[in-house]
Amino acid sequence: MDDVRIEICLEGVDSVLAAEEGGADRVELCSDLFEGGLSPSIGTVRTALRLSHIPINAMVRPRGGDFCYSEAEFEVMKEEVKAFRAEGVNAIVFGILTPDGRVDKERSRQLIELARPLEVTFHRAFDMTRDLDEALEDLIALGVDRVLTSGGEESVCEGAEMLRHLVEKAGDRIVVMPGCGLTERNFNRLSSYIGAKEYHLMLNCEKPSVMEYHPQHIYMGGLLRQSEFSIPMTSAQRVGTITLRR
């Protein structure tokens, strides 16, 4: 497994530093992983780049929900691509679909042109397309460098057979990067079966808040209430359990 690369999905500068400590090859930096990952702030990107040495791929996703964006939202995405490129990130991560469930080739082409010479990753919007084989060929034709996918299923475990097919079909034309649901317990088994060269994992832990005063009746997260006094972040130890196996 010496040639297998590990990308860690995370939010926050502390998690970037933890992933680097654990031996990850690169990170995908987002905000709001509860929504599946949204664009990080410029301040987060700038600070992560200054304090770490690990390659940082920046998410460009203006909101949660579907991947069919309004004109205003698309303008936001273009501005974020330009801003992240100027900051010096390693790659841009995005995904745009048409209402009928296909890759939005025209808008994707515009973002790719803005991102160059950086690499581009098409994220798991790919799994929401109506035909994964067709979508893969569209991304290859667009010159996308990498596609993040769970094989059109809820997780890599359920999508393993399709992922193996996509890896074989793609060959050297595009990197097929399995992600979603990979853990220390299933990584060796699934990666051996799928045969990809890159994998995308989220390996979190929780650290307690330093707050000593805990008002238990106040929540900042709306109806889906998460504790304000437990902070999710990447676990360097968990990352190390994957990277040390190579």
C-alpha atoms as a PDB file:
ATOM      1  CA  MET A   1       0.000   0.000   0.000  1.00  0.00           C
ATOM      2  CA  ASP A   2       2.997   2.289  -0.279  1.00  0.00           C
ATOM      3  CA  ASP A   3       1.491   4.091  -3.279  1.00  0.00           C
ATOM      4  CA  VAL A   4      -1.948   4.662  -1.692  1.00  0.00           C
ATOM      5  CA  ARG A   5      -2.673   8.267  -0.749  1.00  0.00           C
ATOM      6  CA  ILE A   6      -4.871   9.273   2.176  1.00  0.00           C
ATOM      7  CA  GLU A   7      -6.989  12.449   2.130  1.00  0.00           C
ATOM      8  CA  ILE A   8      -8.694  13.550   5.344  1.00  0.00           C
ATOM      9  CA  CYS A   9     -11.971  15.471   5.237  1.00  0.00           C
ATOM     10  CA  LEU A  10     -12.146  18.035   8.029  1.00  0.00           C
ATOM     11  CA  GLU A  11     -13.131  21.476   9.231  1.00  0.00           C
ATOM     12  CA  GLY A  12     -10.963  23.870  11.173  1.00  0.00           C
ATOM     13  CA  VAL A  13      -7.276  24.662  11.461  1.00  0.00           C
ATOM     14  CA  ASP A  14      -6.724  22.472  14.528  1.00  0.00           C
ATOM     15  CA  SER A  15      -7.953  19.484  12.533  1.00  0.00           C
ATOM     16  CA  VAL A  16      -5.624  20.340   9.641  1.00  0.00           C
ATOM     17  CA  LEU A  17      -2.701  20.266  12.065  1.00  0.00           C
ATOM     18  CA  ALA A  18      -3.914  16.983  13.568  1.00  0.00           C
ATOM     19  CA  ALA A  19      -4.216  15.347  10.135  1.00  0.00           C
ATOM     20  CA  GLU A  20      -0.703  16.488   9.295  1.00  0.00           C
ATOM     21  CA  GLU A  21       0.590  15.083  12.586  1.00  0.00           C
ATOM     22  CA  GLY A  22      -1.111  11.777  11.834  1.00  0.00           C
ATOM     23  CA  GLY A  23       0.660  11.438   8.487  1.00  0.00           C
ATOM     24  CA  ALA A  24      -2.128  12.226   6.031  1.00  0.00           C
ATOM     25  CA  ASP A  25      -1.078  13.032   2.467  1.00  0.00           C
ATOM     26  CA  ARG A  26      -3.494  15.954   2.114  1.00  0.00           C
ATOM     27  CA  VAL A  27      -6.723  17.360   3.510  1.00  0.00           C
ATOM     28  CA  GLU A  28     -10.043  18.533   2.157  1.00  0.00           C
ATOM     29  CA  LEU A  29     -10.834  21.672   4.131  1.00  0.00           C
ATOM     30  CA  CYS A  30     -14.512  22.484   4.610  1.00  0.00           C
ATOM     31  CA  SER A  31     -16.866  24.162   7.005  1.00  0.00           C
ATOM     32  CA  ASP A  32     -20.083  22.644   8.383  1.00  0.00           C
ATOM     33  CA  LEU A  33     -19.494  18.932   7.915  1.00  0.00           C
ATOM     34  CA  PHE A  34     -22.961  18.449   9.443  1.00  0.00           C
ATOM     35  CA  GLU A  35     -24.219  19.620   6.024  1.00  0.00           C
ATOM     36  CA  GLY A  36     -21.743  17.374   4.216  1.00  0.00           C
ATOM     37  CA  GLY A  37     -19.134  20.113   3.893  1.00  0.00           C
ATOM     38  CA  LEU A  38     -19.449  23.738   2.796  1.00  0.00           C
ATOM     39  CA  SER A  39     -16.869  26.309   1.732  1.00  0.00           C
ATOM     40  CA  PRO A  40     -14.389  27.265   4.457  1.00  0.00           C
ATOM     41  CA  SER A  41     -13.807  30.916   5.269  1.00  0.00           C
ATOM     42  CA  ILE A  42     -10.877  32.779   3.773  1.00  0.00           C
ATOM     43  CA  GLY A  43      -9.529  33.265   7.286  1.00  0.00           C
ATOM     44  CA  THR A  44      -9.563  29.529   7.899  1.00  0.00           C
ATOM     45  CA  VAL A  45      -7.848  28.785   4.595  1.00  0.00           C
ATOM     46  CA  ARG A  46      -5.237  31.477   5.056  1.00  0.00           C
ATOM     47  CA  THR A  47      -4.392  30.405   8.612  1.00  0.00           C
ATOM     48  CA  ALA A  48      -4.279  26.707   7.735  1.00  0.00           C
ATOM     49  CA  LEU A  49      -1.873  27.418   4.899  1.00  0.00           C
ATOM     50  CA  ARG A  50       0.318  29.524   7.157  1.00  0.00           C
ATOM     51  CA  LEU A  51       0.481  27.066  10.056  1.00  0.00           C
ATOM     52  CA  SER A  52       0.724  23.762   8.172  1.00  0.00           C
ATOM     53  CA  HIS A  53       2.728  22.224   5.357  1.00  0.00           C
ATOM     54  CA  ILE A  54       0.198  19.650   4.182  1.00  0.00           C
ATOM     55  CA  PRO A  55      -1.514  20.135   0.781  1.00  0.00           C
ATOM     56  CA  ILE A  56      -4.954  21.675   1.283  1.00  0.00           C
ATOM     57  CA  ASN A  57      -7.846  21.097  -1.109  1.00  0.00           C
ATOM     58  CA  ALA A  58     -10.565  23.703  -0.555  1.00  0.00           C
ATOM     59  CA  MET A  59     -14.271  22.942  -0.804  1.00  0.00           C
ATOM     60  CA  VAL A  60     -16.394  25.273  -2.926  1.00  0.00           C
ATOM     61  CA  ARG A  61     -20.013  24.701  -1.935  1.00  0.00           C
ATOM     62  CA  PRO A  62     -22.109  27.753  -1.036  1.00  0.00           C
ATOM     63  CA  ARG A  63     -24.916  25.946   0.815  1.00  0.00           C
ATOM     64  CA  GLY A  64     -26.259  22.572   1.855  1.00  0.00           C
ATOM     65  CA  GLY A  65     -28.944  20.712  -0.008  1.00  0.00           C
ATOM     66  CA  ASP A  66     -28.849  19.856  -3.697  1.00  0.00           C
ATOM     67  CA  PHE A  67     -26.155  20.646  -6.269  1.00  0.00           C
ATOM     68  CA  CYS A  68     -28.254  22.668  -8.709  1.00  0.00           C
ATOM     69  CA  TYR A  69     -27.346  26.287  -8.046  1.00  0.00           C
ATOM     70  CA  SER A  70     -28.942  29.647  -8.830  1.00  0.00           C
ATOM     71  CA  GLU A  71     -27.102  32.275 -10.845  1.00  0.00           C
ATOM     72  CA  ALA A  72     -26.258  34.173  -7.663  1.00  0.00           C
ATOM     73  CA  GLU A  73     -24.930  31.015  -5.996  1.00  0.00           C
ATOM     74  CA  PHE A  74     -22.823  30.230  -9.037  1.00  0.00           C
ATOM     75  CA  GLU A  75     -21.327  33.709  -8.876  1.00  0.00           C
ATOM     76  CA  VAL A  76     -20.372  32.994  -5.258  1.00  0.00           C
ATOM     77  CA  MET A  77     -18.682  29.765  -6.345  1.00  0.00           C
ATOM     78  CA  LYS A  78     -16.651  31.547  -9.014  1.00  0.00           C
ATOM     79  CA  GLU A  79     -15.493  34.175  -6.532  1.00  0.00           C
ATOM     80  CA  GLU A  80     -14.490  31.483  -4.031  1.00  0.00           C
ATOM     81  CA  VAL A  81     -12.503  29.572  -6.646  1.00  0.00           C
ATOM     82  CA  LYS A  82     -10.576  32.728  -7.504  1.00  0.00           C
ATOM     83  CA  ALA A  83     -10.014  33.594  -3.847  1.00  0.00           C
ATOM     84  CA  PHE A  84      -8.819  30.125  -2.820  1.00  0.00           C
ATOM     85  CA  ARG A  85      -6.531  29.888  -5.837  1.00  0.00           C
ATOM     86  CA  ALA A  86      -5.011  33.254  -4.923  1.00  0.00           C
ATOM     87  CA  GLU A  87      -4.407  32.051  -1.367  1.00  0.00           C
ATOM     88  CA  GLY A  88      -2.371  29.122  -2.671  1.00  0.00           C
ATOM     89  CA  VAL A  89      -4.459  26.018  -1.984  1.00  0.00           C
ATOM     90  CA  ASN A  90      -3.478  22.722  -3.572  1.00  0.00           C
ATOM     91  CA  ALA A  91      -6.769  22.046  -5.375  1.00  0.00           C
ATOM     92  CA  ILE A  92     -10.408  23.112  -5.708  1.00  0.00           C
ATOM     93  CA  VAL A  93     -13.286  20.775  -4.826  1.00  0.00           C
ATOM     94  CA  PHE A  94     -16.766  21.316  -6.282  1.00  0.00           C
ATOM     95  CA  GLY A  95     -19.744  19.605  -7.866  1.00  0.00           C
ATOM     96  CA  ILE A  96     -22.576  20.996 -10.010  1.00  0.00           C
ATOM     97  CA  LEU A  97     -25.509  19.090 -11.501  1.00  0.00           C
ATOM     98  CA  THR A  98     -28.317  19.878 -13.916  1.00  0.00           C
ATOM     99  CA  PRO A  99     -31.949  19.489 -12.811  1.00  0.00           C
ATOM    100  CA  ASP A 100     -32.187  16.168 -14.693  1.00  0.00           C
ATOM    101  CA  GLY A 101     -29.364  14.626 -12.682  1.00  0.00           C
ATOM    102  CA  ARG A 102     -26.377  14.993 -14.998  1.00  0.00           C
ATOM    103  CA  VAL A 103     -23.053  16.768 -14.630  1.00  0.00           C
ATOM    104  CA  ASP A 104     -23.487  20.459 -15.433  1.00  0.00           C
ATOM    105  CA  LYS A 105     -20.726  20.499 -18.011  1.00  0.00           C
ATOM    106  CA  GLU A 106     -20.899  24.182 -18.941  1.00  0.00           C
ATOM    107  CA  ARG A 107     -20.713  25.507 -15.392  1.00  0.00           C
ATOM    108  CA  SER A 108     -18.116  22.905 -14.430  1.00  0.00           C
ATOM    109  CA  ARG A 109     -15.994  23.985 -17.387  1.00  0.00           C
ATOM    110  CA  GLN A 110     -16.102  27.591 -16.186  1.00  0.00           C
ATOM    111  CA  LEU A 111     -14.973  26.664 -12.679  1.00  0.00           C
ATOM    112  CA  ILE A 112     -12.195  24.440 -14.007  1.00  0.00           C
ATOM    113  CA  GLU A 113     -10.895  27.287 -16.177  1.00  0.00           C
ATOM    114  CA  LEU A 114     -10.918  29.617 -13.165  1.00  0.00           C
ATOM    115  CA  ALA A 115      -9.152  27.040 -10.986  1.00  0.00           C
ATOM    116  CA  ARG A 116      -6.279  26.233 -13.345  1.00  0.00           C
ATOM    117  CA  PRO A 117      -3.421  25.551 -12.986  1.00  0.00           C
ATOM    118  CA  LEU A 118      -4.698  23.916  -9.772  1.00  0.00           C
ATOM    119  CA  GLU A 119      -6.112  20.402  -9.767  1.00  0.00           C
ATOM    120  CA  VAL A 120      -9.872  20.006  -9.454  1.00  0.00           C
ATOM    121  CA  THR A 121     -11.878  17.358  -7.629  1.00  0.00           C
ATOM    122  CA  PHE A 122     -15.547  16.723  -8.392  1.00  0.00           C
ATOM    123  CA  HIS A 123     -17.134  15.773  -5.076  1.00  0.00           C
ATOM    124  CA  ARG A 124     -19.953  13.381  -4.170  1.00  0.00           C
ATOM    125  CA  ALA A 125     -22.496  15.299  -6.209  1.00  0.00           C
ATOM    126  CA  PHE A 126     -21.291  12.593  -8.611  1.00  0.00           C
ATOM    127  CA  ASP A 127     -23.219  10.028  -6.552  1.00  0.00           C
ATOM    128  CA  MET A 128     -26.449  11.944  -7.180  1.00  0.00           C
ATOM    129  CA  THR A 129     -26.219  11.584 -10.967  1.00  0.00           C
ATOM    130  CA  ARG A 130     -28.606   9.328 -12.852  1.00  0.00           C
ATOM    131  CA  ASP A 131     -25.841   7.344 -14.605  1.00  0.00           C
ATOM    132  CA  LEU A 132     -22.427   7.019 -12.966  1.00  0.00           C
ATOM    133  CA  ASP A 133     -20.721   5.696 -16.092  1.00  0.00           C
ATOM    134  CA  GLU A 134     -21.995   8.610 -18.151  1.00  0.00           C
ATOM    135  CA  ALA A 135     -21.015  11.094 -15.439  1.00  0.00           C
ATOM    136  CA  LEU A 136     -17.527   9.598 -15.222  1.00  0.00           C
ATOM    137  CA  GLU A 137     -16.990  10.039 -18.958  1.00  0.00           C
ATOM    138  CA  ASP A 138     -18.283  13.622 -18.743  1.00  0.00           C
ATOM    139  CA  LEU A 139     -15.767  14.432 -16.012  1.00  0.00           C
ATOM    140  CA  ILE A 140     -12.943  12.842 -17.974  1.00  0.00           C
ATOM    141  CA  ALA A 141     -13.888  14.885 -21.045  1.00  0.00           C
ATOM    142  CA  LEU A 142     -13.884  18.051 -18.920  1.00  0.00           C
ATOM    143  CA  GLY A 143     -10.375  17.301 -17.670  1.00  0.00           C
ATOM    144  CA  VAL A 144     -11.332  16.820 -14.020  1.00  0.00           C
ATOM    145  CA  ASP A 145      -8.419  15.338 -12.103  1.00  0.00           C
ATOM    146  CA  ARG A 146     -10.282  13.418  -9.412  1.00  0.00           C
ATOM    147  CA  VAL A 147     -13.779  12.305  -8.456  1.00  0.00           C
ATOM    148  CA  LEU A 148     -14.850  11.609  -4.877  1.00  0.00           C
ATOM    149  CA  THR A 149     -17.507   8.905  -4.737  1.00  0.00           C
ATOM    150  CA  SER A 150     -19.162   6.269  -2.607  1.00  0.00           C
ATOM    151  CA  GLY A 151     -20.191   4.356  -5.713  1.00  0.00           C
ATOM    152  CA  GLY A 152     -23.674   5.822  -5.866  1.00  0.00           C
ATOM    153  CA  GLU A 153     -24.559   4.322  -2.495  1.00  0.00           C
ATOM    154  CA  GLU A 154     -24.837   5.543   1.082  1.00  0.00           C
ATOM    155  CA  SER A 155     -21.285   4.496   1.878  1.00  0.00           C
ATOM    156  CA  VAL A 156     -18.222   2.847   0.364  1.00  0.00           C
ATOM    157  CA  CYS A 157     -19.224  -0.439   1.986  1.00  0.00           C
ATOM    158  CA  GLU A 158     -22.488  -0.623  -0.003  1.00  0.00           C
ATOM    159  CA  GLY A 159     -20.889   0.846  -3.137  1.00  0.00           C
ATOM    160  CA  ALA A 160     -17.727  -1.287  -3.186  1.00  0.00           C
ATOM    161  CA  GLU A 161     -18.658  -3.271  -6.281  1.00  0.00           C
ATOM    162  CA  MET A 162     -19.482  -0.150  -8.299  1.00  0.00           C
ATOM    163  CA  LEU A 163     -16.337   1.562  -7.023  1.00  0.00           C
ATOM    164  CA  ARG A 164     -14.203  -1.325  -8.221  1.00  0.00           C
ATOM    165  CA  HIS A 165     -15.909  -1.037 -11.612  1.00  0.00           C
ATOM    166  CA  LEU A 166     -15.327   2.739 -11.754  1.00  0.00           C
ATOM    167  CA  VAL A 167     -11.642   2.366 -10.838  1.00  0.00           C
ATOM    168  CA  GLU A 168     -11.168  -0.178 -13.624  1.00  0.00           C
ATOM    169  CA  LYS A 169     -13.165   1.881 -16.127  1.00  0.00           C
ATOM    170  CA  ALA A 170     -11.286   5.084 -15.322  1.00  0.00           C
ATOM    171  CA  GLY A 171      -7.811   3.575 -15.594  1.00  0.00           C
ATOM    172  CA  ASP A 172      -5.285   6.416 -15.716  1.00  0.00           C
ATOM    173  CA  ARG A 173      -7.764   8.915 -17.188  1.00  0.00           C
ATOM    174  CA  ILE A 174      -9.049  10.226 -13.822  1.00  0.00           C
ATOM    175  CA  VAL A 175      -8.485   9.372 -10.162  1.00  0.00           C
ATOM    176  CA  VAL A 176     -11.478   7.625  -8.620  1.00  0.00           C
ATOM    177  CA  MET A 177     -11.250   8.347  -4.877  1.00  0.00           C
ATOM    178  CA  PRO A 178     -13.617   6.294  -2.672  1.00  0.00           C
ATOM    179  CA  GLY A 179     -14.960   8.106   0.352  1.00  0.00           C
ATOM    180  CA  CYS A 180     -17.746   8.001   2.954  1.00  0.00           C
ATOM    181  CA  GLY A 181     -17.878   5.415   5.707  1.00  0.00           C
ATOM    182  CA  LEU A 182     -14.264   4.287   5.597  1.00  0.00           C
ATOM    183  CA  THR A 183     -12.798   3.615   9.050  1.00  0.00           C
ATOM    184  CA  GLU A 184      -9.808   1.927  10.638  1.00  0.00           C
ATOM    185  CA  ARG A 185     -11.893  -1.258  10.942  1.00  0.00           C
ATOM    186  CA  ASN A 186     -12.881  -1.630   7.294  1.00  0.00           C
ATOM    187  CA  PHE A 187     -10.157   0.230   5.418  1.00  0.00           C
ATOM    188  CA  ASN A 188      -7.826  -2.680   4.653  1.00  0.00           C
ATOM    189  CA  ARG A 189     -10.635  -4.965   3.489  1.00  0.00           C
ATOM    190  CA  LEU A 190     -12.371  -2.389   1.293  1.00  0.00           C
ATOM    191  CA  SER A 191      -9.249  -0.822  -0.177  1.00  0.00           C
ATOM    192  CA  SER A 192      -7.878  -4.253  -1.103  1.00  0.00           C
ATOM    193  CA  TYR A 193     -11.118  -5.098  -2.903  1.00  0.00           C
ATOM    194  CA  ILE A 194     -11.646  -1.750  -4.651  1.00  0.00           C
ATOM    195  CA  GLY A 195      -8.054  -1.199  -5.743  1.00  0.00           C
ATOM    196  CA  ALA A 196      -8.039   2.603  -5.824  1.00  0.00           C
ATOM    197  CA  LYS A 197      -4.896   4.701  -5.399  1.00  0.00           C
ATOM    198  CA  GLU A 198      -6.471   7.397  -3.209  1.00  0.00           C
ATOM    199  CA  TYR A 199      -9.007   7.281  -0.370  1.00  0.00           C
ATOM    200  CA  HIS A 200     -10.988   9.959   1.459  1.00  0.00           C
ATOM    201  CA  LEU A 201     -11.689   9.545   5.176  1.00  0.00           C
ATOM    202  CA  MET A 202     -13.133  11.515   8.074  1.00  0.00           C
ATOM    203  CA  LEU A 203     -11.490  10.343  11.301  1.00  0.00           C
ATOM    204  CA  ASN A 204     -12.848  12.462  14.114  1.00  0.00           C
ATOM    205  CA  CYS A 205     -12.738  12.467  17.867  1.00  0.00           C
ATOM    206  CA  GLU A 206     -14.344  14.818  20.338  1.00  0.00           C
ATOM    207  CA  LYS A 207     -12.522  17.081  22.722  1.00  0.00           C
ATOM    208  CA  PRO A 208     -14.250  18.706  25.674  1.00  0.00           C
ATOM    209  CA  SER A 209     -14.857  22.419  25.644  1.00  0.00           C
ATOM    210  CA  VAL A 210     -12.651  24.514  27.914  1.00  0.00           C
ATOM    211  CA  MET A 211     -15.792  26.274  29.142  1.00  0.00           C
ATOM    212  CA  GLU A 212     -16.307  25.812  32.864  1.00  0.00           C
ATOM    213  CA  TYR A 213     -19.758  27.388  32.916  1.00  0.00           C
ATOM    214  CA  HIS A 214     -22.313  25.250  31.030  1.00  0.00           C
ATOM    215  CA  PRO A 215     -25.775  26.781  30.540  1.00  0.00           C
ATOM    216  CA  GLN A 216     -27.560  23.576  29.569  1.00  0.00           C
ATOM    217  CA  HIS A 217     -30.767  25.185  28.296  1.00  0.00           C
ATOM    218  CA  ILE A 218     -29.168  27.153  25.422  1.00  0.00           C
ATOM    219  CA  TYR A 219     -28.349  25.700  21.999  1.00  0.00           C
ATOM    220  CA  MET A 220     -26.893  27.377  18.920  1.00  0.00           C
ATOM    221  CA  GLY A 221     -27.746  24.635  16.406  1.00  0.00           C
ATOM    222  CA  GLY A 222     -31.504  24.940  15.983  1.00  0.00           C
ATOM    223  CA  LEU A 223     -33.753  21.890  16.259  1.00  0.00           C
ATOM    224  CA  LEU A 224     -30.973  19.320  15.731  1.00  0.00           C
ATOM    225  CA  ARG A 225     -29.241  20.049  18.967  1.00  0.00           C
ATOM    226  CA  GLN A 226     -25.623  19.160  19.424  1.00  0.00           C
ATOM    227  CA  SER A 227     -23.826  19.854  22.661  1.00  0.00           C
ATOM    228  CA  GLU A 228     -22.115  23.218  22.757  1.00  0.00           C
ATOM    229  CA  PHE A 229     -19.468  21.741  25.053  1.00  0.00           C
ATOM    230  CA  SER A 230     -18.079  18.906  22.951  1.00  0.00           C
ATOM    231  CA  ILE A 231     -15.969  19.882  19.940  1.00  0.00           C
ATOM    232  CA  PRO A 232     -15.541  17.472  16.990  1.00  0.00           C
ATOM    233  CA  MET A 233     -12.147  17.496  15.337  1.00  0.00           C
ATOM    234  CA  THR A 234      -9.805  15.224  13.419  1.00  0.00           C
ATOM    235  CA  SER A 235      -7.984  12.640  15.514  1.00  0.00           C
ATOM    236  CA  ALA A 236      -4.257  12.480  14.752  1.00  0.00           C
ATOM    237  CA  GLN A 237      -4.177   9.062  16.406  1.00  0.00           C
ATOM    238  CA  ARG A 238      -6.925   7.681  14.137  1.00  0.00           C
ATOM    239  CA  VAL A 239      -5.244   9.100  11.038  1.00  0.00           C
ATOM    240  CA  GLY A 240      -2.027   7.444  12.138  1.00  0.00           C
ATOM    241  CA  THR A 241      -3.681   4.046  12.367  1.00  0.00           C
ATOM    242  CA  ILE A 242      -4.368   4.285   8.623  1.00  0.00           C
ATOM    243  CA  THR A 243      -1.166   5.914   7.420  1.00  0.00           C
ATOM    244  CA  LEU A 244       1.159   3.686   9.431  1.00  0.00           C
ATOM    245  CA  ARG A 245      -0.193   0.602   7.624  1.00  0.00           C
ATOM    246  CA  ARG A 246       1.251   1.693   4.304  1.00  0.00           C
END
